[in-house]
């Protein structure tokens, strides 16, 4: 419930991201 990174509904969800990881994570969407 406190994800390191969450992608859903076609977009990233930084609003529910664990604060310790905010601004430090990235998915490779061109590889999706």
ModelCIF file with pLDDT and N, C-alpha, C, O atoms, coordinates in Angstrom:
data_MODEL
#
_entry.id   MODEL 
#
_entity.id                         1 
_entity.type                       polymer 
_entity.pdbx_number_of_molecules   1 
#
_entity_poly.entity_id                      1 
_entity_poly.type                           'polypeptide(L)' 
_entity_poly.nstd_linkage                   no 
_entity_poly.nstd_monomer                   no 
_entity_poly.pdbx_seq_one_letter_code       
;(UNK)(UNK)(UNK)(UNK)(UNK)(UNK)(UNK)(UNK)(UNK)(UNK)(UNK)(UNK)(UNK)(UNK)(UNK)(UNK)
(UNK)(UNK)(UNK)(UNK)(UNK)(UNK)(UNK)(UNK)(UNK)(UNK)(UNK)(UNK)(UNK)(UNK)(UNK)(UNK)
;
_entity_poly.pdbx_seq_one_letter_code_can   XXXXXXXXXXXXXXXXXXXXXXXXXXXXXXXX 
_entity_poly.pdbx_strand_id                 A 
#
loop_
_entity_poly_seq.entity_id 
_entity_poly_seq.num 
_entity_poly_seq.mon_id 
_entity_poly_seq.hetero 
1 1  UNK n 
1 2  UNK n 
1 3  UNK n 
1 4  UNK n 
1 5  UNK n 
1 6  UNK n 
1 7  UNK n 
1 8  UNK n 
1 9  UNK n 
1 10 UNK n 
1 11 UNK n 
1 12 UNK n 
1 13 UNK n 
1 14 UNK n 
1 15 UNK n 
1 16 UNK n 
1 17 UNK n 
1 18 UNK n 
1 19 UNK n 
1 20 UNK n 
1 21 UNK n 
1 22 UNK n 
1 23 UNK n 
1 24 UNK n 
1 25 UNK n 
1 26 UNK n 
1 27 UNK n 
1 28 UNK n 
1 29 UNK n 
1 30 UNK n 
1 31 UNK n 
1 32 UNK n 
#
_struct_asym.id          A 
_struct_asym.entity_id   1 
#
loop_
_ma_qa_metric.id 
_ma_qa_metric.mode 
_ma_qa_metric.name 
_ma_qa_metric.software_group_id 
_ma_qa_metric.type 
1 global pLDDT . pLDDT 
2 local  pLDDT . pLDDT 
#
_ma_qa_metric_global.metric_id      1 
_ma_qa_metric_global.metric_value   94.66 
_ma_qa_metric_global.model_id       1 
_ma_qa_metric_global.ordinal_id     1 
#
loop_
_ma_qa_metric_local.label_asym_id 
_ma_qa_metric_local.label_comp_id 
_ma_qa_metric_local.label_seq_id 
_ma_qa_metric_local.metric_id 
_ma_qa_metric_local.metric_value 
_ma_qa_metric_local.model_id 
_ma_qa_metric_local.ordinal_id 
A UNK 1  2 88.00 1 1  
A UNK 2  2 91.00 1 2  
A UNK 3  2 95.00 1 3  
A UNK 4  2 96.00 1 4  
A UNK 5  2 96.00 1 5  
A UNK 6  2 97.00 1 6  
A UNK 7  2 97.00 1 7  
A UNK 8  2 95.00 1 8  
A UNK 9  2 93.00 1 9  
A UNK 10 2 93.00 1 10 
A UNK 11 2 95.00 1 11 
A UNK 12 2 95.00 1 12 
A UNK 13 2 95.00 1 13 
A UNK 14 2 94.00 1 14 
A UNK 15 2 94.00 1 15 
A UNK 16 2 93.00 1 16 
A UNK 17 2 95.00 1 17 
A UNK 18 2 94.00 1 18 
A UNK 19 2 94.00 1 19 
A UNK 20 2 93.00 1 20 
A UNK 21 2 96.00 1 21 
A UNK 22 2 94.00 1 22 
A UNK 23 2 94.00 1 23 
A UNK 24 2 96.00 1 24 
A UNK 25 2 96.00 1 25 
A UNK 26 2 96.00 1 26 
A UNK 27 2 97.00 1 27 
A UNK 28 2 97.00 1 28 
A UNK 29 2 95.00 1 29 
A UNK 30 2 95.00 1 30 
A UNK 31 2 94.00 1 31 
A UNK 32 2 96.00 1 32 
#
loop_
_atom_site.group_PDB 
_atom_site.id 
_atom_site.type_symbol 
_atom_site.label_atom_id 
_atom_site.label_alt_id 
_atom_site.label_comp_id 
_atom_site.label_asym_id 
_atom_site.label_entity_id 
_atom_site.label_seq_id 
_atom_site.pdbx_PDB_ins_code 
_atom_site.Cartn_x 
_atom_site.Cartn_y 
_atom_site.Cartn_z 
_atom_site.occupancy 
_atom_site.B_iso_or_equiv 
_atom_site.pdbx_formal_charge 
_atom_site.auth_seq_id 
_atom_site.auth_comp_id 
_atom_site.auth_asym_id 
_atom_site.auth_atom_id 
_atom_site.pdbx_PDB_model_num 
ATOM 1   N N  . UNK A 1 1  ? 0.816  -1.215 0.000   1.00 88.00 ? 1  UNK A N  1 
ATOM 2   C CA . UNK A 1 1  ? 0.000  0.000  0.000   1.00 88.00 ? 1  UNK A CA 1 
ATOM 3   C C  . UNK A 1 1  ? 0.850  1.267  0.000   1.00 88.00 ? 1  UNK A C  1 
ATOM 4   O O  . UNK A 1 1  ? 0.344  2.356  -0.270  1.00 88.00 ? 1  UNK A O  1 
ATOM 5   N N  . UNK A 1 2  ? 2.141  1.128  0.302   1.00 91.00 ? 2  UNK A N  1 
ATOM 6   C CA . UNK A 1 2  ? 3.063  2.260  0.255   1.00 91.00 ? 2  UNK A CA 1 
ATOM 7   C C  . UNK A 1 2  ? 4.173  1.902  -0.727  1.00 91.00 ? 2  UNK A C  1 
ATOM 8   O O  . UNK A 1 2  ? 5.284  1.565  -0.317  1.00 91.00 ? 2  UNK A O  1 
ATOM 9   N N  . UNK A 1 3  ? 3.874  1.974  -2.024  1.00 95.00 ? 3  UNK A N  1 
ATOM 10  C CA . UNK A 1 3  ? 4.793  1.423  -3.027  1.00 95.00 ? 3  UNK A CA 1 
ATOM 11  C C  . UNK A 1 3  ? 6.059  2.244  -3.206  1.00 95.00 ? 3  UNK A C  1 
ATOM 12  O O  . UNK A 1 3  ? 6.086  3.453  -2.973  1.00 95.00 ? 3  UNK A O  1 
ATOM 13  N N  . UNK A 1 4  ? 7.107  1.545  -3.630  1.00 96.00 ? 4  UNK A N  1 
ATOM 14  C CA . UNK A 1 4  ? 8.325  2.229  -4.073  1.00 96.00 ? 4  UNK A CA 1 
ATOM 15  C C  . UNK A 1 4  ? 8.036  2.990  -5.367  1.00 96.00 ? 4  UNK A C  1 
ATOM 16  O O  . UNK A 1 4  ? 8.523  4.104  -5.562  1.00 96.00 ? 4  UNK A O  1 
ATOM 17  N N  . UNK A 1 5  ? 7.241  2.381  -6.247  1.00 96.00 ? 5  UNK A N  1 
ATOM 18  C CA . UNK A 1 5  ? 6.809  3.035  -7.487  1.00 96.00 ? 5  UNK A CA 1 
ATOM 19  C C  . UNK A 1 5  ? 5.516  2.352  -7.944  1.00 96.00 ? 5  UNK A C  1 
ATOM 20  O O  . UNK A 1 5  ? 5.382  1.131  -7.857  1.00 96.00 ? 5  UNK A O  1 
ATOM 21  N N  . UNK A 1 6  ? 4.560  3.167  -8.438  1.00 97.00 ? 6  UNK A N  1 
ATOM 22  C CA . UNK A 1 6  ? 3.289  2.625  -8.911  1.00 97.00 ? 6  UNK A CA 1 
ATOM 23  C C  . UNK A 1 6  ? 2.932  3.253  -10.258 1.00 97.00 ? 6  UNK A C  1 
ATOM 24  O O  . UNK A 1 6  ? 2.910  4.474  -10.413 1.00 97.00 ? 6  UNK A O  1 
ATOM 25  N N  . UNK A 1 7  ? 2.648  2.363  -11.243 1.00 97.00 ? 7  UNK A N  1 
ATOM 26  C CA . UNK A 1 7  ? 2.141  2.777  -12.549 1.00 97.00 ? 7  UNK A CA 1 
ATOM 27  C C  . UNK A 1 7  ? 0.785  2.097  -12.728 1.00 97.00 ? 7  UNK A C  1 
ATOM 28  O O  . UNK A 1 7  ? 0.699  0.869  -12.702 1.00 97.00 ? 7  UNK A O  1 
ATOM 29  N N  . UNK A 1 8  ? -0.273 2.889  -12.909 1.00 95.00 ? 8  UNK A N  1 
ATOM 30  C CA . UNK A 1 8  ? -1.614 2.338  -13.102 1.00 95.00 ? 8  UNK A CA 1 
ATOM 31  C C  . UNK A 1 8  ? -2.467 3.347  -13.855 1.00 95.00 ? 8  UNK A C  1 
ATOM 32  O O  . UNK A 1 8  ? -2.252 4.556  -13.771 1.00 95.00 ? 8  UNK A O  1 
ATOM 33  N N  . UNK A 1 9  ? -3.436 2.825  -14.589 1.00 93.00 ? 9  UNK A N  1 
ATOM 34  C CA . UNK A 1 9  ? -4.299 3.715  -15.370 1.00 93.00 ? 9  UNK A CA 1 
ATOM 35  C C  . UNK A 1 9  ? -3.547 4.491  -16.426 1.00 93.00 ? 9  UNK A C  1 
ATOM 36  O O  . UNK A 1 9  ? -3.968 5.581  -16.813 1.00 93.00 ? 9  UNK A O  1 
ATOM 37  N N  . UNK A 1 10 ? -2.424 3.939  -16.905 1.00 93.00 ? 10 UNK A N  1 
ATOM 38  C CA . UNK A 1 10 ? -1.660 4.602  -17.969 1.00 93.00 ? 10 UNK A CA 1 
ATOM 39  C C  . UNK A 1 10 ? -0.758 5.717  -17.492 1.00 93.00 ? 10 UNK A C  1 
ATOM 40  O O  . UNK A 1 10 ? -0.273 6.493  -18.315 1.00 93.00 ? 10 UNK A O  1 
ATOM 41  N N  . UNK A 1 11 ? -0.505 5.836  -16.164 1.00 95.00 ? 11 UNK A N  1 
ATOM 42  C CA . UNK A 1 11 ? 0.353  6.919  -15.675 1.00 95.00 ? 11 UNK A CA 1 
ATOM 43  C C  . UNK A 1 11 ? 0.984  6.536  -14.329 1.00 95.00 ? 11 UNK A C  1 
ATOM 44  O O  . UNK A 1 11 ? 0.496  5.657  -13.618 1.00 95.00 ? 11 UNK A O  1 
ATOM 45  N N  . UNK A 1 12 ? 2.101  7.237  -14.000 1.00 95.00 ? 12 UNK A N  1 
ATOM 46  C CA . UNK A 1 12 ? 2.744  7.061  -12.698 1.00 95.00 ? 12 UNK A CA 1 
ATOM 47  C C  . UNK A 1 12 ? 1.889  7.724  -11.622 1.00 95.00 ? 12 UNK A C  1 
ATOM 48  O O  . UNK A 1 12 ? 1.163  8.682  -11.887 1.00 95.00 ? 12 UNK A O  1 
ATOM 49  N N  . UNK A 1 13 ? 1.991  7.191  -10.390 1.00 95.00 ? 13 UNK A N  1 
ATOM 50  C CA . UNK A 1 13 ? 1.218  7.729  -9.267  1.00 95.00 ? 13 UNK A CA 1 
ATOM 51  C C  . UNK A 1 13 ? 2.161  8.141  -8.129  1.00 95.00 ? 13 UNK A C  1 
ATOM 52  O O  . UNK A 1 13 ? 2.243  7.445  -7.116  1.00 95.00 ? 13 UNK A O  1 
ATOM 53  N N  . UNK A 1 14 ? 2.873  9.267  -8.286  1.00 94.00 ? 14 UNK A N  1 
ATOM 54  C CA . UNK A 1 14 ? 3.780  9.705  -7.215  1.00 94.00 ? 14 UNK A CA 1 
ATOM 55  C C  . UNK A 1 14 ? 3.045  10.126 -5.948  1.00 94.00 ? 14 UNK A C  1 
ATOM 56  O O  . UNK A 1 14 ? 3.657  10.208 -4.883  1.00 94.00 ? 14 UNK A O  1 
ATOM 57  N N  . UNK A 1 15 ? 1.720  10.400 -6.046  1.00 94.00 ? 15 UNK A N  1 
ATOM 58  C CA . UNK A 1 15 ? 0.976  10.852 -4.878  1.00 94.00 ? 15 UNK A CA 1 
ATOM 59  C C  . UNK A 1 15 ? 0.818  9.754  -3.825  1.00 94.00 ? 15 UNK A C  1 
ATOM 60  O O  . UNK A 1 15 ? 0.590  10.058 -2.655  1.00 94.00 ? 15 UNK A O  1 
ATOM 61  N N  . UNK A 1 16 ? 0.937  8.475  -4.222  1.00 93.00 ? 16 UNK A N  1 
ATOM 62  C CA . UNK A 1 16 ? 0.820  7.384  -3.263  1.00 93.00 ? 16 UNK A CA 1 
ATOM 63  C C  . UNK A 1 16 ? 2.167  6.716  -3.006  1.00 93.00 ? 16 UNK A C  1 
ATOM 64  O O  . UNK A 1 16 ? 2.240  5.699  -2.316  1.00 93.00 ? 16 UNK A O  1 
ATOM 65  N N  . UNK A 1 17 ? 3.213  7.280  -3.551  1.00 95.00 ? 17 UNK A N  1 
ATOM 66  C CA . UNK A 1 17 ? 4.549  6.683  -3.440  1.00 95.00 ? 17 UNK A CA 1 
ATOM 67  C C  . UNK A 1 17 ? 5.125  6.908  -2.045  1.00 95.00 ? 17 UNK A C  1 
ATOM 68  O O  . UNK A 1 17 ? 4.904  7.955  -1.435  1.00 95.00 ? 17 UNK A O  1 
ATOM 69  N N  . UNK A 1 18 ? 5.873  5.908  -1.540  1.00 94.00 ? 18 UNK A N  1 
ATOM 70  C CA . UNK A 1 18 ? 6.603  6.049  -0.283  1.00 94.00 ? 18 UNK A CA 1 
ATOM 71  C C  . UNK A 1 18 ? 7.509  7.278  -0.380  1.00 94.00 ? 18 UNK A C  1 
ATOM 72  O O  . UNK A 1 18 ? 8.259  7.421  -1.345  1.00 94.00 ? 18 UNK A O  1 
ATOM 73  N N  . UNK A 1 19 ? 7.442  8.167  0.621   1.00 94.00 ? 19 UNK A N  1 
ATOM 74  C CA . UNK A 1 19 ? 8.174  9.441  0.552   1.00 94.00 ? 19 UNK A CA 1 
ATOM 75  C C  . UNK A 1 19 ? 9.697  9.244  0.494   1.00 94.00 ? 19 UNK A C  1 
ATOM 76  O O  . UNK A 1 19 ? 10.410 10.102 -0.028  1.00 94.00 ? 19 UNK A O  1 
ATOM 77  N N  . UNK A 1 20 ? 10.193 8.127  1.023   1.00 93.00 ? 20 UNK A N  1 
ATOM 78  C CA . UNK A 1 20 ? 11.638 7.882  0.987   1.00 93.00 ? 20 UNK A CA 1 
ATOM 79  C C  . UNK A 1 20 ? 12.156 7.642  -0.428  1.00 93.00 ? 20 UNK A C  1 
ATOM 80  O O  . UNK A 1 20 ? 13.360 7.722  -0.671  1.00 93.00 ? 20 UNK A O  1 
ATOM 81  N N  . UNK A 1 21 ? 11.243 7.345  -1.372  1.00 96.00 ? 21 UNK A N  1 
ATOM 82  C CA . UNK A 1 21 ? 11.664 7.041  -2.739  1.00 96.00 ? 21 UNK A CA 1 
ATOM 83  C C  . UNK A 1 21 ? 11.239 8.108  -3.743  1.00 96.00 ? 21 UNK A C  1 
ATOM 84  O O  . UNK A 1 21 ? 11.528 7.983  -4.933  1.00 96.00 ? 21 UNK A O  1 
ATOM 85  N N  . UNK A 1 22 ? 10.563 9.144  -3.286  1.00 94.00 ? 22 UNK A N  1 
ATOM 86  C CA . UNK A 1 22 ? 10.061 10.163 -4.207  1.00 94.00 ? 22 UNK A CA 1 
ATOM 87  C C  . UNK A 1 22 ? 11.220 10.864 -4.911  1.00 94.00 ? 22 UNK A C  1 
ATOM 88  O O  . UNK A 1 22 ? 12.187 11.288 -4.278  1.00 94.00 ? 22 UNK A O  1 
ATOM 89  N N  . UNK A 1 23 ? 11.102 10.975 -6.222  1.00 94.00 ? 23 UNK A N  1 
ATOM 90  C CA . UNK A 1 23 ? 12.134 11.612 -7.040  1.00 94.00 ? 23 UNK A CA 1 
ATOM 91  C C  . UNK A 1 23 ? 13.330 10.736 -7.338  1.00 94.00 ? 23 UNK A C  1 
ATOM 92  O O  . UNK A 1 23 ? 14.296 11.195 -7.947  1.00 94.00 ? 23 UNK A O  1 
ATOM 93  N N  . UNK A 1 24 ? 13.282 9.457  -6.912  1.00 96.00 ? 24 UNK A N  1 
ATOM 94  C CA . UNK A 1 24 ? 14.449 8.576  -7.107  1.00 96.00 ? 24 UNK A CA 1 
ATOM 95  C C  . UNK A 1 24 ? 14.128 7.328  -7.911  1.00 96.00 ? 24 UNK A C  1 
ATOM 96  O O  . UNK A 1 24 ? 14.987 6.455  -8.036  1.00 96.00 ? 24 UNK A O  1 
ATOM 97  N N  . UNK A 1 25 ? 12.913 7.206  -8.465  1.00 96.00 ? 25 UNK A N  1 
ATOM 98  C CA . UNK A 1 25 ? 12.554 5.989  -9.198  1.00 96.00 ? 25 UNK A CA 1 
ATOM 99  C C  . UNK A 1 25 ? 12.089 6.318  -10.610 1.00 96.00 ? 25 UNK A C  1 
ATOM 100 O O  . UNK A 1 25 ? 11.618 7.420  -10.894 1.00 96.00 ? 25 UNK A O  1 
ATOM 101 N N  . UNK A 1 26 ? 12.238 5.321  -11.493 1.00 96.00 ? 26 UNK A N  1 
ATOM 102 C CA . UNK A 1 26 ? 11.859 5.531  -12.894 1.00 96.00 ? 26 UNK A CA 1 
ATOM 103 C C  . UNK A 1 26 ? 11.636 4.172  -13.566 1.00 96.00 ? 26 UNK A C  1 
ATOM 104 O O  . UNK A 1 26 ? 12.439 3.251  -13.411 1.00 96.00 ? 26 UNK A O  1 
ATOM 105 N N  . UNK A 1 27 ? 10.532 4.063  -14.315 1.00 97.00 ? 27 UNK A N  1 
ATOM 106 C CA . UNK A 1 27 ? 10.259 2.880  -15.134 1.00 97.00 ? 27 UNK A CA 1 
ATOM 107 C C  . UNK A 1 27 ? 10.684 3.148  -16.571 1.00 97.00 ? 27 UNK A C  1 
ATOM 108 O O  . UNK A 1 27 ? 10.717 4.299  -17.007 1.00 97.00 ? 27 UNK A O  1 
ATOM 109 N N  . UNK A 1 28 ? 11.012 2.083  -17.310 1.00 97.00 ? 28 UNK A N  1 
ATOM 110 C CA . UNK A 1 28 ? 11.437 2.215  -18.703 1.00 97.00 ? 28 UNK A CA 1 
ATOM 111 C C  . UNK A 1 28 ? 10.206 2.019  -19.597 1.00 97.00 ? 28 UNK A C  1 
ATOM 112 O O  . UNK A 1 28 ? 9.974  0.929  -20.118 1.00 97.00 ? 28 UNK A O  1 
ATOM 113 N N  . UNK A 1 29 ? 9.422  3.091  -19.764 1.00 95.00 ? 29 UNK A N  1 
ATOM 114 C CA . UNK A 1 29 ? 8.133  2.966  -20.440 1.00 95.00 ? 29 UNK A CA 1 
ATOM 115 C C  . UNK A 1 29 ? 8.280  2.661  -21.930 1.00 95.00 ? 29 UNK A C  1 
ATOM 116 O O  . UNK A 1 29 ? 7.369  2.104  -22.543 1.00 95.00 ? 29 UNK A O  1 
ATOM 117 N N  . UNK A 1 30 ? 9.419  3.022  -22.511 1.00 95.00 ? 30 UNK A N  1 
ATOM 118 C CA . UNK A 1 30 ? 9.603  2.670  -23.916 1.00 95.00 ? 30 UNK A CA 1 
ATOM 119 C C  . UNK A 1 30 ? 9.821  1.167  -24.093 1.00 95.00 ? 30 UNK A C  1 
ATOM 120 O O  . UNK A 1 30 ? 9.766  0.654  -25.211 1.00 95.00 ? 30 UNK A O  1 
ATOM 121 N N  . UNK A 1 31 ? 10.072 0.455  -22.969 1.00 94.00 ? 31 UNK A N  1 
ATOM 122 C CA . UNK A 1 31 ? 10.229 -0.996 -22.994 1.00 94.00 ? 31 UNK A CA 1 
ATOM 123 C C  . UNK A 1 31 ? 8.941  -1.726 -22.618 1.00 94.00 ? 31 UNK A C  1 
ATOM 124 O O  . UNK A 1 31 ? 8.898  -2.956 -22.653 1.00 94.00 ? 31 UNK A O  1 
ATOM 125 N N  . UNK A 1 32 ? 7.885  -0.978 -22.257 1.00 96.00 ? 32 UNK A N  1 
ATOM 126 C CA . UNK A 1 32 ? 6.616  -1.607 -21.863 1.00 96.00 ? 32 UNK A CA 1 
ATOM 127 C C  . UNK A 1 32 ? 6.064  -2.559 -22.933 1.00 96.00 ? 32 UNK A C  1 
ATOM 128 O O  . UNK A 1 32 ? 5.006  -3.157 -22.740 1.00 96.00 ? 32 UNK A O  1 
#
